[in-house]
Amino acid sequence: MSLLAIARHYFEGLGTNKNIKKGTNLYEQAAKIGNLRAMFELAHMFDEYNSFERYNMVKKNNDLAIKYYIQLAKNNYIFGHYAAMQILREEIKKYRNVKKNIKKFNLVIRLLKKYKDNIQKIDEEFESKCAKMNFTREQIIKQRKNYNDLRDKSLVYIDEIKEISLKENE
C-alpha cells in the first residue's frame, strides 16, 4: 500500500514535483507483486473509455488497460471481467487486432465462467475484494453500480463478438 501512496503523491504533486512516469512505475511495481488496487488504477489509467479524471494526462493505451483488467479477472475481481469485455468489444468493433482481441475476449469469458462456477456468493466476494483494495464505502457503491451496468451489457457484448467472430472465420 505504501507504493500506492507514493505513486499518488507523484501524480498529484503532494510534497514533491508531479512526475507521472515515476507514479506509473510505482503502480506497476505494486501490480507486479499482486496488489489489486494497483492493477485497478493502472487499468483505469490507460482505459480510453473509463479513465478517471486524475489520469487525463496519461496517454491512453487500451492494450495495457486490457492487460490489467485481465489481471484483475484472474484475481477474481469481477469488475475486471466486465471492463475487459467492454474494451475488447469496442476494439473489435473498430476492427483493431480482431483475431488477437477475440482470443482475449474468449479468455475473459472462460475466466468469468470459472469465477461464477467457483464463487457461491459473488456479492460477498465483491465486497471483500473492494475492502482489500481500501475503497471507501462511496467508492464501493460506485463500483457496484459500474459492475451491475457492465454485467447487464455483457450478454449483448458476447452476442456481438460471436457475430463478428463468425464473419471473420467465413
Protein backbone atom coordinates (compact mmCIF):
# COMPACT_ATOMS: atom_id res chain seq x y z
CA MET A 1 0.00 0.00 0.00
CA SER A 2 2.93 2.35 0.59
CA LEU A 3 3.88 2.11 -3.10
CA LEU A 4 0.36 3.24 -3.95
CA ALA A 5 0.53 6.18 -1.58
CA ILE A 6 3.86 7.32 -3.01
CA ALA A 7 2.53 6.86 -6.56
CA ARG A 8 -0.49 9.03 -5.77
CA HIS A 9 1.84 11.71 -4.36
CA TYR A 10 3.76 11.77 -7.63
CA PHE A 11 0.56 12.03 -9.64
CA GLU A 12 -0.81 14.86 -7.55
CA GLY A 13 2.49 16.60 -6.74
CA LEU A 14 1.95 16.25 -2.98
CA GLY A 15 5.22 17.03 -1.19
CA THR A 16 7.12 16.53 -4.45
CA ASN A 17 7.07 17.64 -8.06
CA LYS A 18 4.48 15.98 -10.26
CA ASN A 19 6.08 13.05 -12.03
CA ILE A 20 3.64 10.89 -13.95
CA LYS A 21 6.31 8.46 -15.11
CA LYS A 22 7.53 7.76 -11.55
CA GLY A 23 3.96 7.43 -10.34
CA THR A 24 3.12 4.96 -13.10
CA ASN A 25 6.29 2.95 -12.39
CA LEU A 26 5.34 2.67 -8.72
CA TYR A 27 1.85 1.44 -9.61
CA GLU A 28 3.44 -1.11 -11.97
CA GLN A 29 5.77 -2.33 -9.19
CA ALA A 30 2.82 -2.78 -6.85
CA ALA A 31 0.84 -4.62 -9.55
CA LYS A 32 3.76 -6.99 -10.15
CA ILE A 33 3.65 -8.07 -6.51
CA GLY A 34 -0.08 -8.72 -6.75
CA ASN A 35 -1.66 -5.53 -5.42
CA LEU A 36 -5.23 -5.43 -6.78
CA ARG A 37 -5.65 -1.70 -6.24
CA ALA A 38 -2.54 -1.01 -8.33
CA MET A 39 -3.92 -3.20 -11.13
CA PHE A 40 -7.24 -1.37 -10.86
CA GLU A 41 -5.58 2.06 -11.01
CA LEU A 42 -3.38 1.07 -13.97
CA ALA A 43 -6.33 -0.36 -15.88
CA HIS A 44 -8.29 2.86 -15.46
CA MET A 45 -5.21 4.97 -16.11
CA PHE A 46 -4.81 3.52 -19.62
CA ASP A 47 -8.51 2.90 -20.39
CA GLU A 48 -9.68 5.11 -23.23
CA TYR A 49 -13.34 4.61 -22.28
CA ASN A 50 -13.40 4.58 -18.45
CA SER A 51 -10.42 6.58 -17.22
CA PHE A 52 -10.51 8.66 -14.07
CA GLU A 53 -10.10 12.41 -14.39
CA ARG A 54 -6.89 12.27 -12.33
CA TYR A 55 -5.31 10.29 -15.18
CA ASN A 56 -6.19 12.66 -18.03
CA MET A 57 -2.52 13.44 -18.56
CA VAL A 58 -1.65 9.76 -19.15
CA LYS A 59 -1.55 8.58 -22.75
CA LYS A 60 -4.36 6.04 -23.21
CA ASN A 61 -3.41 2.54 -24.25
CA ASN A 62 -6.24 0.03 -24.40
CA ASP A 63 -3.86 -2.92 -24.75
CA LEU A 64 -2.38 -2.04 -21.35
CA ALA A 65 -5.84 -1.41 -19.88
CA ILE A 66 -6.95 -4.85 -21.09
CA LYS A 67 -3.80 -6.41 -19.63
CA TYR A 68 -4.56 -5.01 -16.18
CA TYR A 69 -8.28 -5.77 -16.35
CA ILE A 70 -7.43 -9.37 -17.22
CA GLN A 71 -5.04 -9.47 -14.26
CA LEU A 72 -7.93 -8.31 -12.07
CA ALA A 73 -10.14 -11.00 -13.60
CA LYS A 74 -7.52 -13.67 -12.93
CA ASN A 75 -7.53 -12.48 -9.30
CA ASN A 76 -11.32 -12.90 -9.15
CA TYR A 77 -12.19 -9.22 -9.09
CA ILE A 78 -15.40 -9.34 -11.10
CA PHE A 79 -15.16 -5.77 -12.38
CA GLY A 80 -12.04 -6.81 -14.31
CA HIS A 81 -14.02 -9.34 -16.33
CA TYR A 82 -16.69 -6.91 -17.43
CA ALA A 83 -14.42 -3.92 -18.01
CA ALA A 84 -12.11 -6.05 -20.18
CA MET A 85 -15.12 -7.26 -22.17
CA GLN A 86 -16.23 -3.68 -22.73
CA ILE A 87 -12.88 -2.50 -24.12
CA LEU A 88 -12.37 -5.63 -26.19
CA ARG A 89 -15.83 -5.20 -27.70
CA GLU A 90 -15.01 -1.61 -28.69
CA GLU A 91 -11.64 -2.59 -30.13
CA ILE A 92 -13.14 -5.47 -32.12
CA LYS A 93 -15.99 -3.32 -33.44
CA LYS A 94 -13.34 -0.86 -34.69
CA TYR A 95 -11.54 -3.82 -36.31
CA ARG A 96 -8.38 -3.31 -34.27
CA ASN A 97 -6.36 -6.52 -33.90
CA VAL A 98 -9.56 -8.52 -34.33
CA LYS A 99 -8.16 -12.06 -34.04
CA LYS A 100 -5.97 -11.21 -31.04
CA ASN A 101 -8.78 -9.35 -29.31
CA ILE A 102 -11.33 -12.10 -29.96
CA LYS A 103 -8.87 -14.53 -28.40
CA LYS A 104 -8.57 -12.25 -25.33
CA PHE A 105 -12.35 -11.84 -25.22
CA ASN A 106 -12.76 -15.62 -25.15
CA LEU A 107 -10.17 -15.83 -22.35
CA VAL A 108 -12.20 -13.33 -20.33
CA ILE A 109 -15.38 -15.38 -20.96
CA ARG A 110 -13.58 -18.51 -19.69
CA LEU A 111 -12.35 -16.62 -16.61
CA LEU A 112 -15.86 -15.35 -15.99
CA LYS A 113 -17.35 -18.86 -16.23
CA LYS A 114 -14.66 -20.20 -13.91
CA TYR A 115 -15.31 -17.37 -11.48
CA LYS A 116 -19.06 -17.98 -11.46
CA ASP A 117 -18.57 -21.75 -11.05
CA ASN A 118 -16.29 -21.32 -8.05
CA ILE A 119 -17.88 -18.41 -6.22
CA GLN A 120 -21.16 -19.10 -4.45
CA LYS A 121 -21.67 -15.61 -3.06
CA ILE A 122 -20.49 -13.16 -5.69
CA ASP A 123 -21.76 -10.13 -3.73
CA GLU A 124 -19.75 -11.09 -0.64
CA GLU A 125 -16.69 -11.76 -2.77
CA PHE A 126 -17.11 -8.37 -4.46
CA GLU A 127 -17.37 -6.59 -1.10
CA SER A 128 -14.34 -8.46 0.20
CA LYS A 129 -12.18 -7.56 -2.82
CA CYS A 130 -13.24 -3.90 -2.61
CA ALA A 131 -12.37 -3.80 1.08
CA LYS A 132 -8.94 -5.33 0.41
CA MET A 133 -8.36 -2.58 -2.15
CA ASN A 134 -9.06 0.07 0.52
CA PHE A 135 -12.06 1.53 -1.27
CA THR A 136 -14.24 3.85 0.76
CA ARG A 137 -17.92 2.98 1.17
CA GLU A 138 -18.78 5.56 -1.52
CA GLN A 139 -16.27 4.01 -3.90
CA ILE A 140 -17.66 0.52 -3.25
CA ILE A 141 -21.18 1.75 -4.05
CA LYS A 142 -19.92 3.34 -7.28
CA GLN A 143 -18.01 0.16 -8.18
CA ARG A 144 -21.14 -1.92 -7.56
CA LYS A 145 -23.16 0.34 -9.88
CA ASN A 146 -20.48 0.13 -12.59
CA TYR A 147 -20.26 -3.63 -12.09
CA ASN A 148 -24.06 -4.04 -12.38
CA ASP A 149 -24.19 -1.86 -15.51
CA LEU A 150 -21.39 -3.80 -17.17
CA ARG A 151 -22.84 -7.17 -16.13
CA ASP A 152 -26.12 -6.26 -17.84
CA LYS A 153 -24.28 -5.22 -21.00
CA SER A 154 -22.01 -8.27 -21.08
CA LEU A 155 -24.61 -10.57 -22.66
CA VAL A 156 -25.02 -8.12 -25.52
CA TYR A 157 -21.22 -7.95 -25.88
CA ILE A 158 -20.95 -11.72 -26.07
CA ASP A 159 -23.55 -11.92 -28.85
CA GLU A 160 -21.90 -9.09 -30.81
CA ILE A 161 -18.45 -10.68 -30.59
CA LYS A 162 -19.81 -14.07 -31.65
CA GLU A 163 -21.31 -12.41 -34.71
CA ILE A 164 -18.06 -10.60 -35.60
CA SER A 165 -16.08 -13.78 -34.94
CA LEU A 166 -18.27 -15.74 -37.34
CA LYS A 167 -17.78 -13.09 -40.04
CA GLU A 168 -14.00 -13.25 -39.53
CA ASN A 169 -13.98 -17.02 -39.95
CA GLU A 170 -16.01 -17.00 -43.18
